[in-house]
Amino acid sequence: MDLLEGNLELKEIQKLEGHTDRVWSVAWNPATGAAGIPAMFASCSGDKTVRIWQQTPSARCSASFECKAVLEETHNRTVRSCAWSPSGKLLATASFDATTAIWEHIGDDFECVSTLEGHENEVKSVSWNASGSLLATCSRDKSVWIWEVQPGNEFECVAVLQGHTQDVKMVKWHPFMDVLFSCSYDNTVKVWAEDGDTDDWHCVQTLGEPNNGHTSTVWALSFNSTGDKMVTCSDDLTLKIWETDSRIPQETDGYMPWRHLSTLTGYHDRTIFSVHWSSEGVIASGAADDAIRLFIENKDGLDMPEGR
C-alpha cells in the first residue's frame, strides 16, 4: 500500500505559550478545521488548567493560533487528559484530583456543566465513543469506568471494569464500534465489549506478552482510519502493530479478535509515551529520548523515512 511518496518533514510553525507547567495532552476539536470553521484544540497541564486555542488569520503564516479561553478553578491538581465529543460541543477533562469535568461550548464561552466522581485517585485518560453517547475514564486505581450520557448533561456510570492489575494509562474507543481498549502498567492492552444478552461489559481479549504483546508498561494506542489496524507503544521501547479482519461478519457481540502483525524496534532508546495514526496513514511516535519518529506503510510492512 503506497500511502505517501517521498520523505516526510516536520517543521515548527508556531510555539504556543501560556501554561506554567508541563503540558500533558492536546486534542483537536473534530467539528472544526473544515467548511470555513477555524481549527480549535484544547491543551491540559500540570498547572491545573485547560487552554482552548483557535486558529486566526495571519499574514505571516497559514496557521496562527491564539488562546481563546482558560478553563480553571475546577480541577485542583494536574489535568492529565482531554477529549472532545464527536459533535465538538462538549469537552471532557480528566484530572489527578480523581474527577472528570465536562465543559460545554456555549457561544464563545466554556461552562463546566458536570463533574464525574467515583475513581479512588488520579484519572489518567478520558475517551468518547463514536456516537458521543458513552464516555470512558481510567485511573491509577486500576479500574475503567463507562459513563452513559443522559439528557441535561447528566452522566450515569453503567460499568466499572476491573481487570487490570496495575495503573491504567489510557482508554480509547474503537473509531466505529462500541468496543473499548485500555492499556496499563501491567504490560497489557485489554479489549472490552458489551454482552448483547445481559448488557454487561466484560473483557473479550487481553493483548499481552503471551500473544506477542509488550513486555513493559503500555502507554498509548491509536487506530488507523479504517479501524482494522491499531498501533501501541511501550516502555519496552517498541511500537507494535495489530490487526483484525473487519470484513468477517461480526459474530461475537460485534467483536473480532486482534492479532499481532509486526513490531517496530530500534527507533527510540527511551520510553515511548505517545503514538498517533493519522488519517493519511502516517504513524507518529514521541518518546523520552526527545525524538518524534514518523512511519509510513510500505508493501513490506512499516518503515521510517530515512533521517526522520
C-alpha atoms as a PDB file:
ATOM      1  CA  MET A   1       0.000   0.000   0.000  1.00  0.00           C
ATOM      2  CA  ASP A   2       1.583   3.246  -1.167  1.00  0.00           C
ATOM      3  CA  LEU A   3       0.439   5.870   1.335  1.00  0.00           C
ATOM      4  CA  LEU A   4       2.875   8.720   0.768  1.00  0.00           C
ATOM      5  CA  GLU A   5       5.641   9.486  -1.656  1.00  0.00           C
ATOM      6  CA  GLY A   6       8.991  10.925  -0.643  1.00  0.00           C
ATOM      7  CA  ASN A   7      10.344  11.782   2.775  1.00  0.00           C
ATOM      8  CA  LEU A   8       8.306  13.468   5.475  1.00  0.00           C
ATOM      9  CA  GLU A   9       9.361  16.604   7.250  1.00  0.00           C
ATOM     10  CA  LEU A  10       8.103  18.224  10.430  1.00  0.00           C
ATOM     11  CA  LYS A  11       8.534  21.971  10.612  1.00  0.00           C
ATOM     12  CA  GLU A  12       7.697  24.182  13.579  1.00  0.00           C
ATOM     13  CA  ILE A  13       5.304  26.921  12.534  1.00  0.00           C
ATOM     14  CA  GLN A  14       4.436  28.371  15.933  1.00  0.00           C
ATOM     15  CA  LYS A  15       5.223  27.977  19.624  1.00  0.00           C
ATOM     16  CA  LEU A  16       2.203  28.433  21.901  1.00  0.00           C
ATOM     17  CA  GLU A  17       2.975  29.711  25.366  1.00  0.00           C
ATOM     18  CA  GLY A  18       0.711  30.174  28.346  1.00  0.00           C
ATOM     19  CA  HIS A  19       0.801  27.068  30.515  1.00  0.00           C
ATOM     20  CA  THR A  20       3.090  27.380  33.531  1.00  0.00           C
ATOM     21  CA  ASP A  21       3.762  23.652  33.953  1.00  0.00           C
ATOM     22  CA  ARG A  22       4.177  20.654  31.655  1.00  0.00           C
ATOM     23  CA  VAL A  23       1.505  20.094  29.013  1.00  0.00           C
ATOM     24  CA  TRP A  24       0.180  16.539  29.287  1.00  0.00           C
ATOM     25  CA  SER A  25      -2.288  16.246  26.435  1.00  0.00           C
ATOM     26  CA  VAL A  26      -3.766  18.071  23.447  1.00  0.00           C
ATOM     27  CA  ALA A  27      -6.940  17.313  21.484  1.00  0.00           C
ATOM     28  CA  TRP A  28      -8.320  18.738  18.232  1.00  0.00           C
ATOM     29  CA  ASN A  29     -11.996  19.696  18.158  1.00  0.00           C
ATOM     30  CA  PRO A  30     -13.408  17.364  15.438  1.00  0.00           C
ATOM     31  CA  ALA A  31     -16.103  19.845  14.400  1.00  0.00           C
ATOM     32  CA  THR A  32     -13.556  22.499  13.410  1.00  0.00           C
ATOM     33  CA  GLY A  33     -10.878  22.962  10.764  1.00  0.00           C
ATOM     34  CA  ALA A  34     -13.178  22.461   7.759  1.00  0.00           C
ATOM     35  CA  ALA A  35     -16.051  24.177   5.952  1.00  0.00           C
ATOM     36  CA  GLY A  36     -14.693  27.572   6.924  1.00  0.00           C
ATOM     37  CA  ILE A  37     -14.741  26.838  10.657  1.00  0.00           C
ATOM     38  CA  PRO A  38     -11.409  27.815  12.253  1.00  0.00           C
ATOM     39  CA  ALA A  39      -9.449  24.922  13.722  1.00  0.00           C
ATOM     40  CA  MET A  40      -9.610  24.624  17.506  1.00  0.00           C
ATOM     41  CA  PHE A  41      -7.841  22.420  20.035  1.00  0.00           C
ATOM     42  CA  ALA A  42      -7.551  22.035  23.791  1.00  0.00           C
ATOM     43  CA  SER A  43      -4.421  21.569  25.889  1.00  0.00           C
ATOM     44  CA  CYS A  44      -4.226  20.483  29.525  1.00  0.00           C
ATOM     45  CA  SER A  45      -1.425  20.878  32.003  1.00  0.00           C
ATOM     46  CA  GLY A  46       0.154  20.335  35.366  1.00  0.00           C
ATOM     47  CA  ASP A  47      -0.801  23.948  36.105  1.00  0.00           C
ATOM     48  CA  LYS A  48      -4.383  22.662  36.755  1.00  0.00           C
ATOM     49  CA  THR A  49      -5.812  24.486  33.730  1.00  0.00           C
ATOM     50  CA  VAL A  50      -7.108  23.730  30.256  1.00  0.00           C
ATOM     51  CA  ARG A  51      -6.462  26.175  27.433  1.00  0.00           C
ATOM     52  CA  ILE A  52      -8.537  26.495  24.275  1.00  0.00           C
ATOM     53  CA  TRP A  53      -6.603  27.541  21.173  1.00  0.00           C
ATOM     54  CA  GLN A  54      -8.183  28.720  17.923  1.00  0.00           C
ATOM     55  CA  GLN A  55      -6.756  29.403  14.504  1.00  0.00           C
ATOM     56  CA  THR A  56      -6.820  33.038  13.434  1.00  0.00           C
ATOM     57  CA  PRO A  57      -5.996  34.690  10.095  1.00  0.00           C
ATOM     58  CA  SER A  58      -2.380  35.763   9.849  1.00  0.00           C
ATOM     59  CA  ALA A  59      -0.351  37.411   7.138  1.00  0.00           C
ATOM     60  CA  ARG A  60       2.800  35.691   8.404  1.00  0.00           C
ATOM     61  CA  CYS A  61       1.697  32.075   8.178  1.00  0.00           C
ATOM     62  CA  SER A  62      -1.273  29.962   7.176  1.00  0.00           C
ATOM     63  CA  ALA A  63      -1.861  28.685  10.708  1.00  0.00           C
ATOM     64  CA  SER A  64      -1.654  31.118  13.591  1.00  0.00           C
ATOM     65  CA  PHE A  65      -3.264  30.057  16.878  1.00  0.00           C
ATOM     66  CA  GLU A  66      -4.347  32.213  19.799  1.00  0.00           C
ATOM     67  CA  CYS A  67      -5.571  31.277  23.254  1.00  0.00           C
ATOM     68  CA  LYS A  68      -9.307  31.932  23.334  1.00  0.00           C
ATOM     69  CA  ALA A  69     -10.143  30.638  26.806  1.00  0.00           C
ATOM     70  CA  VAL A  70      -8.544  29.364  30.002  1.00  0.00           C
ATOM     71  CA  LEU A  71     -10.609  26.801  31.917  1.00  0.00           C
ATOM     72  CA  GLU A  72      -9.568  27.000  35.541  1.00  0.00           C
ATOM     73  CA  GLU A  73     -10.698  26.832  39.171  1.00  0.00           C
ATOM     74  CA  THR A  74     -12.412  23.473  38.594  1.00  0.00           C
ATOM     75  CA  HIS A  75      -9.602  20.952  38.949  1.00  0.00           C
ATOM     76  CA  ASN A  76      -7.266  21.314  41.913  1.00  0.00           C
ATOM     77  CA  ARG A  77      -4.498  19.035  40.622  1.00  0.00           C
ATOM     78  CA  THR A  78      -2.847  18.232  37.282  1.00  0.00           C
ATOM     79  CA  VAL A  79      -5.200  17.892  34.299  1.00  0.00           C
ATOM     80  CA  ARG A  80      -3.869  14.763  32.616  1.00  0.00           C
ATOM     81  CA  SER A  81      -6.147  14.196  29.608  1.00  0.00           C
ATOM     82  CA  CYS A  82      -8.742  15.994  27.482  1.00  0.00           C
ATOM     83  CA  ALA A  83     -11.111  14.820  24.760  1.00  0.00           C
ATOM     84  CA  TRP A  84     -13.857  16.449  22.655  1.00  0.00           C
ATOM     85  CA  SER A  85     -17.188  14.791  21.996  1.00  0.00           C
ATOM     86  CA  PRO A  86     -17.770  13.928  18.306  1.00  0.00           C
ATOM     87  CA  SER A  87     -20.062  16.962  17.944  1.00  0.00           C
ATOM     88  CA  GLY A  88     -17.347  19.239  19.320  1.00  0.00           C
ATOM     89  CA  LYS A  89     -19.816  20.739  21.803  1.00  0.00           C
ATOM     90  CA  LEU A  90     -18.540  19.006  24.939  1.00  0.00           C
ATOM     91  CA  LEU A  91     -15.003  18.741  26.298  1.00  0.00           C
ATOM     92  CA  ALA A  92     -14.089  16.157  28.939  1.00  0.00           C
ATOM     93  CA  THR A  93     -11.039  16.747  31.140  1.00  0.00           C
ATOM     94  CA  ALA A  94      -9.536  14.121  33.448  1.00  0.00           C
ATOM     95  CA  SER A  95      -7.506  15.118  36.477  1.00  0.00           C
ATOM     96  CA  PHE A  96      -5.229  13.792  39.182  1.00  0.00           C
ATOM     97  CA  ASP A  97      -7.838  15.165  41.616  1.00  0.00           C
ATOM     98  CA  ALA A  98      -9.833  11.956  40.851  1.00  0.00           C
ATOM     99  CA  THR A  99     -12.549  13.779  38.890  1.00  0.00           C
ATOM    100  CA  THR A 100     -13.530  14.241  35.256  1.00  0.00           C
ATOM    101  CA  ALA A 101     -15.081  17.577  34.301  1.00  0.00           C
ATOM    102  CA  ILE A 102     -17.468  18.103  31.392  1.00  0.00           C
ATOM    103  CA  TRP A 103     -17.375  21.501  29.711  1.00  0.00           C
ATOM    104  CA  GLU A 104     -19.981  22.790  27.266  1.00  0.00           C
ATOM    105  CA  HIS A 105     -19.037  25.179  24.478  1.00  0.00           C
ATOM    106  CA  ILE A 106     -21.701  27.881  24.553  1.00  0.00           C
ATOM    107  CA  GLY A 107     -21.084  30.757  22.157  1.00  0.00           C
ATOM    108  CA  ASP A 108     -17.557  31.950  22.889  1.00  0.00           C
ATOM    109  CA  ASP A 109     -17.563  30.603  26.440  1.00  0.00           C
ATOM    110  CA  PHE A 110     -16.987  27.255  28.125  1.00  0.00           C
ATOM    111  CA  GLU A 111     -19.030  26.265  31.155  1.00  0.00           C
ATOM    112  CA  CYS A 112     -18.403  23.310  33.466  1.00  0.00           C
ATOM    113  CA  VAL A 113     -21.759  21.507  33.351  1.00  0.00           C
ATOM    114  CA  SER A 114     -20.918  18.259  35.146  1.00  0.00           C
ATOM    115  CA  THR A 115     -18.262  16.708  37.385  1.00  0.00           C
ATOM    116  CA  LEU A 116     -17.870  12.917  37.356  1.00  0.00           C
ATOM    117  CA  GLU A 117     -16.701  11.390  40.625  1.00  0.00           C
ATOM    118  CA  GLY A 118     -16.029   7.801  41.634  1.00  0.00           C
ATOM    119  CA  HIS A 119     -12.419   6.907  40.941  1.00  0.00           C
ATOM    120  CA  GLU A 120     -10.348   6.466  44.087  1.00  0.00           C
ATOM    121  CA  ASN A 121      -7.401   8.517  42.813  1.00  0.00           C
ATOM    122  CA  GLU A 122      -5.807  10.012  39.710  1.00  0.00           C
ATOM    123  CA  VAL A 123      -7.848   9.825  36.485  1.00  0.00           C
ATOM    124  CA  LYS A 124      -5.348   9.256  33.692  1.00  0.00           C
ATOM    125  CA  SER A 125      -7.383   9.281  30.467  1.00  0.00           C
ATOM    126  CA  VAL A 126     -10.814  10.010  29.014  1.00  0.00           C
ATOM    127  CA  SER A 127     -12.383   8.984  25.674  1.00  0.00           C
ATOM    128  CA  TRP A 128     -15.748   9.381  23.869  1.00  0.00           C
ATOM    129  CA  ASN A 129     -17.274   6.666  21.701  1.00  0.00           C
ATOM    130  CA  ALA A 130     -18.080   7.360  18.047  1.00  0.00           C
ATOM    131  CA  SER A 131     -21.669   8.466  18.675  1.00  0.00           C
ATOM    132  CA  GLY A 132     -20.897  10.561  21.742  1.00  0.00           C
ATOM    133  CA  SER A 133     -23.315   8.512  23.862  1.00  0.00           C
ATOM    134  CA  LEU A 134     -20.636   6.902  26.043  1.00  0.00           C
ATOM    135  CA  LEU A 135     -17.586   8.224  27.876  1.00  0.00           C
ATOM    136  CA  ALA A 136     -14.777   6.087  29.311  1.00  0.00           C
ATOM    137  CA  THR A 137     -12.325   7.021  32.069  1.00  0.00           C
ATOM    138  CA  CYS A 138      -9.433   5.154  33.671  1.00  0.00           C
ATOM    139  CA  SER A 139      -7.356   5.629  36.766  1.00  0.00           C
ATOM    140  CA  ARG A 140      -4.407   4.697  38.910  1.00  0.00           C
ATOM    141  CA  ASP A 141      -6.976   2.740  40.949  1.00  0.00           C
ATOM    142  CA  LYS A 142      -6.688   0.027  38.207  1.00  0.00           C
ATOM    143  CA  SER A 143     -10.283   0.460  37.053  1.00  0.00           C
ATOM    144  CA  VAL A 144     -12.035   1.591  33.878  1.00  0.00           C
ATOM    145  CA  TRP A 145     -15.420   3.332  34.156  1.00  0.00           C
ATOM    146  CA  ILE A 146     -18.013   3.675  31.394  1.00  0.00           C
ATOM    147  CA  TRP A 147     -20.463   6.563  31.643  1.00  0.00           C
ATOM    148  CA  GLU A 148     -23.662   6.987  29.646  1.00  0.00           C
ATOM    149  CA  VAL A 149     -24.671  10.481  28.565  1.00  0.00           C
ATOM    150  CA  GLN A 150     -28.133  11.411  29.827  1.00  0.00           C
ATOM    151  CA  PRO A 151     -30.364  14.385  28.946  1.00  0.00           C
ATOM    152  CA  GLY A 152     -29.453  17.660  30.608  1.00  0.00           C
ATOM    153  CA  ASN A 153     -25.707  16.945  30.655  1.00  0.00           C
ATOM    154  CA  GLU A 154     -26.151  14.202  33.243  1.00  0.00           C
ATOM    155  CA  PHE A 155     -23.837  11.187  33.212  1.00  0.00           C
ATOM    156  CA  GLU A 156     -24.652   7.762  34.638  1.00  0.00           C
ATOM    157  CA  CYS A 157     -21.975   5.164  35.383  1.00  0.00           C
ATOM    158  CA  VAL A 158     -23.083   1.972  33.618  1.00  0.00           C
ATOM    159  CA  ALA A 159     -19.998  -0.166  34.223  1.00  0.00           C
ATOM    160  CA  VAL A 160     -16.904  -0.370  36.403  1.00  0.00           C
ATOM    161  CA  LEU A 161     -14.407  -2.668  34.714  1.00  0.00           C
ATOM    162  CA  GLN A 162     -11.929  -4.461  36.943  1.00  0.00           C
ATOM    163  CA  GLY A 163      -9.341  -6.493  35.080  1.00  0.00           C
ATOM    164  CA  HIS A 164      -6.049  -4.663  35.056  1.00  0.00           C
ATOM    165  CA  THR A 165      -3.669  -5.404  37.909  1.00  0.00           C
ATOM    166  CA  GLN A 166      -1.906  -2.023  37.781  1.00  0.00           C
ATOM    167  CA  ASP A 167      -2.390   1.653  36.902  1.00  0.00           C
ATOM    168  CA  VAL A 168      -4.448   2.097  33.699  1.00  0.00           C
ATOM    169  CA  LYS A 169      -2.696   4.636  31.480  1.00  0.00           C
ATOM    170  CA  MET A 170      -5.132   5.163  28.604  1.00  0.00           C
ATOM    171  CA  VAL A 171      -8.607   4.321  27.332  1.00  0.00           C
ATOM    172  CA  LYS A 172      -9.634   4.550  23.689  1.00  0.00           C
ATOM    173  CA  TRP A 173     -12.854   3.625  21.897  1.00  0.00           C
ATOM    174  CA  HIS A 174     -12.740   1.905  18.529  1.00  0.00           C
ATOM    175  CA  PRO A 175     -13.466   4.539  15.834  1.00  0.00           C
ATOM    176  CA  PHE A 176     -16.672   2.839  14.635  1.00  0.00           C
ATOM    177  CA  MET A 177     -17.778   0.169  17.118  1.00  0.00           C
ATOM    178  CA  ASP A 178     -18.657   0.361  20.792  1.00  0.00           C
ATOM    179  CA  VAL A 179     -15.581  -1.630  21.744  1.00  0.00           C
ATOM    180  CA  LEU A 180     -13.241  -0.126  24.335  1.00  0.00           C
ATOM    181  CA  PHE A 181      -9.473  -0.571  24.626  1.00  0.00           C
ATOM    182  CA  SER A 182      -7.367   0.119  27.727  1.00  0.00           C
ATOM    183  CA  CYS A 183      -3.602  -0.039  28.222  1.00  0.00           C
ATOM    184  CA  SER A 184      -1.799  -0.397  31.511  1.00  0.00           C
ATOM    185  CA  TYR A 185       1.263  -0.506  33.700  1.00  0.00           C
ATOM    186  CA  ASP A 186       0.569  -4.263  33.849  1.00  0.00           C
ATOM    187  CA  ASN A 187       2.048  -4.515  30.291  1.00  0.00           C
ATOM    188  CA  THR A 188      -1.261  -5.384  28.623  1.00  0.00           C
ATOM    189  CA  VAL A 189      -3.959  -3.968  26.387  1.00  0.00           C
ATOM    190  CA  LYS A 190      -7.445  -5.140  27.313  1.00  0.00           C
ATOM    191  CA  VAL A 191     -10.431  -5.117  24.966  1.00  0.00           C
ATOM    192  CA  TRP A 192     -13.907  -4.615  26.445  1.00  0.00           C
ATOM    193  CA  ALA A 193     -17.301  -5.210  24.823  1.00  0.00           C
ATOM    194  CA  GLU A 194     -20.910  -5.298  25.922  1.00  0.00           C
ATOM    195  CA  ASP A 195     -22.720  -8.611  26.185  1.00  0.00           C
ATOM    196  CA  GLY A 196     -25.711  -8.389  23.872  1.00  0.00           C
ATOM    197  CA  ASP A 197     -27.896 -10.506  26.151  1.00  0.00           C
ATOM    198  CA  THR A 198     -27.133  -9.064  29.585  1.00  0.00           C
ATOM    199  CA  ASP A 199     -25.887  -5.547  28.715  1.00  0.00           C
ATOM    200  CA  ASP A 200     -22.896  -6.255  30.955  1.00  0.00           C
ATOM    201  CA  TRP A 201     -19.449  -5.117  29.883  1.00  0.00           C
ATOM    202  CA  HIS A 202     -16.664  -7.699  30.005  1.00  0.00           C
ATOM    203  CA  CYS A 203     -13.091  -8.245  28.803  1.00  0.00           C
ATOM    204  CA  VAL A 204     -13.156 -10.117  25.484  1.00  0.00           C
ATOM    205  CA  GLN A 205      -9.397 -10.177  24.814  1.00  0.00           C
ATOM    206  CA  THR A 206      -6.098  -9.386  26.523  1.00  0.00           C
ATOM    207  CA  LEU A 207      -3.112  -8.480  24.355  1.00  0.00           C
ATOM    208  CA  GLY A 208      -0.020  -9.308  26.378  1.00  0.00           C
ATOM    209  CA  GLU A 209       3.364 -10.956  26.248  1.00  0.00           C
ATOM    210  CA  PRO A 210       1.962 -14.483  25.577  1.00  0.00           C
ATOM    211  CA  ASN A 211       0.475 -13.286  22.247  1.00  0.00           C
ATOM    212  CA  ASN A 212       3.464 -11.198  21.097  1.00  0.00           C
ATOM    213  CA  GLY A 213       2.474  -8.209  23.222  1.00  0.00           C
ATOM    214  CA  HIS A 214       4.589  -5.727  25.140  1.00  0.00           C
ATOM    215  CA  THR A 215       6.976  -6.661  27.948  1.00  0.00           C
ATOM    216  CA  SER A 216       6.632  -3.410  29.899  1.00  0.00           C
ATOM    217  CA  THR A 217       4.119  -0.595  30.514  1.00  0.00           C
ATOM    218  CA  VAL A 218       1.829   0.126  27.552  1.00  0.00           C
ATOM    219  CA  TRP A 219       1.395   3.890  27.411  1.00  0.00           C
ATOM    220  CA  ALA A 220      -0.837   4.619  24.430  1.00  0.00           C
ATOM    221  CA  LEU A 221      -2.645   3.257  21.387  1.00  0.00           C
ATOM    222  CA  SER A 222      -4.196   4.589  18.198  1.00  0.00           C
ATOM    223  CA  PHE A 223      -6.218   3.248  15.254  1.00  0.00           C
ATOM    224  CA  ASN A 224      -5.836   3.678  11.519  1.00  0.00           C
ATOM    225  CA  SER A 225      -8.603   5.427   9.577  1.00  0.00           C
ATOM    226  CA  THR A 226     -10.393   2.205   8.647  1.00  0.00           C
ATOM    227  CA  GLY A 227     -10.320   0.764  12.160  1.00  0.00           C
ATOM    228  CA  ASP A 228      -8.805  -2.580  11.182  1.00  0.00           C
ATOM    229  CA  LYS A 229      -5.291  -1.832  12.455  1.00  0.00           C
ATOM    230  CA  MET A 230      -4.006  -0.495  15.765  1.00  0.00           C
ATOM    231  CA  VAL A 231      -0.614   0.704  16.984  1.00  0.00           C
ATOM    232  CA  THR A 232       0.559   0.526  20.614  1.00  0.00           C
ATOM    233  CA  CYS A 233       3.655   1.994  22.282  1.00  0.00           C
ATOM    234  CA  SER A 234       5.508   0.978  25.391  1.00  0.00           C
ATOM    235  CA  ASP A 235       8.229   1.368  27.972  1.00  0.00           C
ATOM    236  CA  ASP A 236       9.845  -1.653  26.261  1.00  0.00           C
ATOM    237  CA  LEU A 237      10.999   0.789  23.512  1.00  0.00           C
ATOM    238  CA  THR A 238       8.843  -0.794  20.798  1.00  0.00           C
ATOM    239  CA  LEU A 239       5.797   0.032  18.739  1.00  0.00           C
ATOM    240  CA  LYS A 240       3.521  -2.862  17.870  1.00  0.00           C
ATOM    241  CA  ILE A 241       1.033  -3.111  15.008  1.00  0.00           C
ATOM    242  CA  TRP A 242      -2.126  -5.174  15.498  1.00  0.00           C
ATOM    243  CA  GLU A 243      -4.830  -6.093  13.001  1.00  0.00           C
ATOM    244  CA  THR A 244      -8.328  -7.513  12.902  1.00  0.00           C
ATOM    245  CA  ASP A 245     -10.372  -8.781   9.969  1.00  0.00           C
ATOM    246  CA  SER A 246     -13.227  -6.327   9.873  1.00  0.00           C
ATOM    247  CA  ARG A 247     -14.589  -7.900   6.675  1.00  0.00           C
ATOM    248  CA  ILE A 248     -15.701 -11.038   8.514  1.00  0.00           C
ATOM    249  CA  PRO A 249     -19.305 -10.870   9.802  1.00  0.00           C
ATOM    250  CA  GLN A 250     -19.302  -9.710  13.396  1.00  0.00           C
ATOM    251  CA  GLU A 251     -20.336 -12.893  15.156  1.00  0.00           C
ATOM    252  CA  THR A 252     -19.396 -12.280  18.780  1.00  0.00           C
ATOM    253  CA  ASP A 253     -21.239  -9.211  20.034  1.00  0.00           C
ATOM    254  CA  GLY A 254     -19.688  -7.048  17.330  1.00  0.00           C
ATOM    255  CA  TYR A 255     -16.150  -8.073  18.212  1.00  0.00           C
ATOM    256  CA  MET A 256     -13.424  -9.792  16.196  1.00  0.00           C
ATOM    257  CA  PRO A 257     -10.111 -10.783  17.833  1.00  0.00           C
ATOM    258  CA  TRP A 258      -6.940  -8.779  17.254  1.00  0.00           C
ATOM    259  CA  ARG A 259      -3.622 -10.358  16.283  1.00  0.00           C
ATOM    260  CA  HIS A 260      -0.037  -9.135  16.292  1.00  0.00           C
ATOM    261  CA  LEU A 261       1.175  -8.045  12.859  1.00  0.00           C
ATOM    262  CA  SER A 262       4.623  -6.529  13.381  1.00  0.00           C
ATOM    263  CA  THR A 263       6.964  -4.890  15.891  1.00  0.00           C
ATOM    264  CA  LEU A 264       8.919  -1.694  15.221  1.00  0.00           C
ATOM    265  CA  THR A 265      12.073  -1.664  17.312  1.00  0.00           C
ATOM    266  CA  GLY A 266      15.382   0.198  17.367  1.00  0.00           C
ATOM    267  CA  TYR A 267      13.959   3.648  16.639  1.00  0.00           C
ATOM    268  CA  HIS A 268      13.717   5.000  20.200  1.00  0.00           C
ATOM    269  CA  ASP A 269      16.143   4.362  23.047  1.00  0.00           C
ATOM    270  CA  ARG A 270      13.904   5.583  25.885  1.00  0.00           C
ATOM    271  CA  THR A 271      10.249   5.064  26.859  1.00  0.00           C
ATOM    272  CA  ILE A 272       7.739   5.706  24.051  1.00  0.00           C
ATOM    273  CA  PHE A 273       4.950   7.677  25.702  1.00  0.00           C
ATOM    274  CA  SER A 274       2.744   8.671  22.770  1.00  0.00           C
ATOM    275  CA  VAL A 275       1.644   7.378  19.387  1.00  0.00           C
ATOM    276  CA  HIS A 276      -0.908   8.515  16.812  1.00  0.00           C
ATOM    277  CA  TRP A 277      -2.021   7.079  13.469  1.00  0.00           C
ATOM    278  CA  SER A 278      -3.100   9.940  11.191  1.00  0.00           C
ATOM    279  CA  SER A 279      -5.937   9.825   8.674  1.00  0.00           C
ATOM    280  CA  GLU A 280      -3.285   9.986   5.923  1.00  0.00           C
ATOM    281  CA  GLY A 281      -1.690   6.788   7.225  1.00  0.00           C
ATOM    282  CA  VAL A 282       1.338   8.273   8.999  1.00  0.00           C
ATOM    283  CA  ILE A 283       2.256   6.943  12.441  1.00  0.00           C
ATOM    284  CA  ALA A 284       3.935   9.478  14.739  1.00  0.00           C
ATOM    285  CA  SER A 285       5.637   8.356  17.943  1.00  0.00           C
ATOM    286  CA  GLY A 286       7.001  10.534  20.734  1.00  0.00           C
ATOM    287  CA  ALA A 287       9.457   9.319  23.354  1.00  0.00           C
ATOM    288  CA  ALA A 288      11.577  10.332  26.334  1.00  0.00           C
ATOM    289  CA  ASP A 289      14.609  10.448  24.027  1.00  0.00           C
ATOM    290  CA  ASP A 290      13.238  13.845  22.840  1.00  0.00           C
ATOM    291  CA  ALA A 291      12.537  12.448  19.377  1.00  0.00           C
ATOM    292  CA  ILE A 292       9.412  12.262  17.232  1.00  0.00           C
ATOM    293  CA  ARG A 293       9.560   9.479  14.641  1.00  0.00           C
ATOM    294  CA  LEU A 294       7.339   9.195  11.574  1.00  0.00           C
ATOM    295  CA  PHE A 295       6.465   5.860   9.997  1.00  0.00           C
ATOM    296  CA  ILE A 296       4.697   5.034   6.757  1.00  0.00           C
ATOM    297  CA  GLU A 297       3.483   1.704   5.476  1.00  0.00           C
ATOM    298  CA  ASN A 298       5.164   0.075   2.508  1.00  0.00           C
ATOM    299  CA  LYS A 299       4.427  -3.172   0.729  1.00  0.00           C
ATOM    300  CA  ASP A 300       6.849  -4.968   3.043  1.00  0.00           C
ATOM    301  CA  GLY A 301       5.292  -3.582   6.241  1.00  0.00           C
ATOM    302  CA  LEU A 302       6.017  -0.342   8.057  1.00  0.00           C
ATOM    303  CA  ASP A 303       9.099   1.758   7.567  1.00  0.00           C
ATOM    304  CA  MET A 304      10.507   5.002   8.869  1.00  0.00           C
ATOM    305  CA  PRO A 305      11.531   7.662   6.318  1.00  0.00           C
ATOM    306  CA  GLU A 306      15.286   7.938   6.391  1.00  0.00           C
ATOM    307  CA  GLY A 307      16.653  10.537   8.752  1.00  0.00           C
ATOM    308  CA  ARG A 308      13.314  11.405  10.356  1.00  0.00           C
END
